[in-house]
Amino acid sequence: MTVYRVELERLDHGYEARVPEINGFLCEGLTEGETLSRLRQKLDRYRAETGAAIEFPTVQLEVYRT
């Protein structure tokens, strides 16, 4: 299993989620749920492109609100 730390920040217009261990990896959304859903979709694409999806098929997000 791969665990990614997610920093979730409230903005004036919604939320932003960052994965610090992947440089420049962030997503925005209007709600926490939408933002984390977009992040998971982007993370799935990233993992498929890099081959990590095969090596570690299960992903867990640890969300830290900043």
Protein backbone atom coordinates (compact mmCIF):
# COMPACT_ATOMS: atom_id res chain seq x y z
CA MET A 1 0.00 0.00 0.00
CA THR A 2 1.17 3.50 -0.82
CA VAL A 3 0.31 6.32 1.59
CA TYR A 4 0.34 9.92 0.41
CA ARG A 5 0.26 12.88 2.79
CA VAL A 6 -2.25 15.46 1.56
CA GLU A 7 -2.26 19.04 2.83
CA LEU A 8 -5.75 20.49 2.48
CA GLU A 9 -6.08 24.27 2.73
CA ARG A 10 -9.21 26.43 2.79
CA LEU A 11 -9.04 29.28 0.27
CA ASP A 12 -11.36 32.23 -0.32
CA HIS A 13 -12.91 30.42 -3.30
CA GLY A 14 -12.79 26.80 -2.12
CA TYR A 15 -10.03 24.34 -1.23
CA GLU A 16 -6.57 23.39 -2.42
CA ALA A 17 -4.94 19.99 -1.83
CA ARG A 18 -1.20 19.36 -2.19
CA VAL A 19 0.91 16.21 -2.08
CA PRO A 20 4.27 17.55 -0.82
CA GLU A 21 6.24 14.43 -1.77
CA ILE A 22 5.33 14.93 -5.46
CA ASN A 23 6.70 18.34 -6.45
CA GLY A 24 4.03 20.64 -7.93
CA PHE A 25 1.19 18.16 -7.39
CA LEU A 26 -1.98 20.03 -6.40
CA CYS A 27 -5.70 20.29 -7.14
CA GLU A 28 -8.46 22.77 -6.34
CA GLY A 29 -12.19 22.43 -5.82
CA LEU A 30 -15.19 24.16 -4.28
CA THR A 31 -15.62 21.63 -1.45
CA GLU A 32 -13.29 19.32 0.48
CA GLY A 33 -14.91 16.30 -1.13
CA GLU A 34 -14.63 17.63 -4.67
CA THR A 35 -11.01 18.64 -4.12
CA LEU A 36 -10.00 15.26 -2.70
CA SER A 37 -11.88 13.45 -5.48
CA ARG A 38 -10.02 15.46 -8.13
CA LEU A 39 -6.75 14.81 -6.33
CA ARG A 40 -7.38 11.05 -6.24
CA GLN A 41 -8.21 11.02 -9.98
CA LYS A 42 -5.07 12.99 -10.79
CA LEU A 43 -3.02 10.73 -8.51
CA ASP A 44 -4.42 7.62 -10.24
CA ARG A 45 -3.38 9.04 -13.65
CA TYR A 46 0.07 9.96 -12.31
CA ARG A 47 0.57 6.49 -10.84
CA ALA A 48 -0.55 4.80 -14.07
CA GLU A 49 1.89 6.92 -16.11
CA THR A 50 4.82 6.22 -13.78
CA GLY A 51 4.06 2.53 -13.28
CA ALA A 52 3.48 2.92 -9.53
CA ALA A 53 -0.12 1.70 -9.93
CA ILE A 54 1.15 -1.77 -10.81
CA GLU A 55 3.77 -1.91 -8.07
CA PHE A 56 1.51 -0.56 -5.30
CA PRO A 57 -2.16 -0.99 -6.31
CA THR A 58 -3.68 0.34 -3.07
CA VAL A 59 -3.54 4.02 -2.16
CA GLN A 60 -4.38 5.70 1.12
CA LEU A 61 -4.58 9.46 1.60
CA GLU A 62 -3.64 11.01 4.96
CA VAL A 63 -5.35 14.41 4.98
CA TYR A 64 -3.94 17.25 7.09
CA ARG A 65 -5.97 20.45 7.18
CA THR A 66 -3.82 23.58 7.20
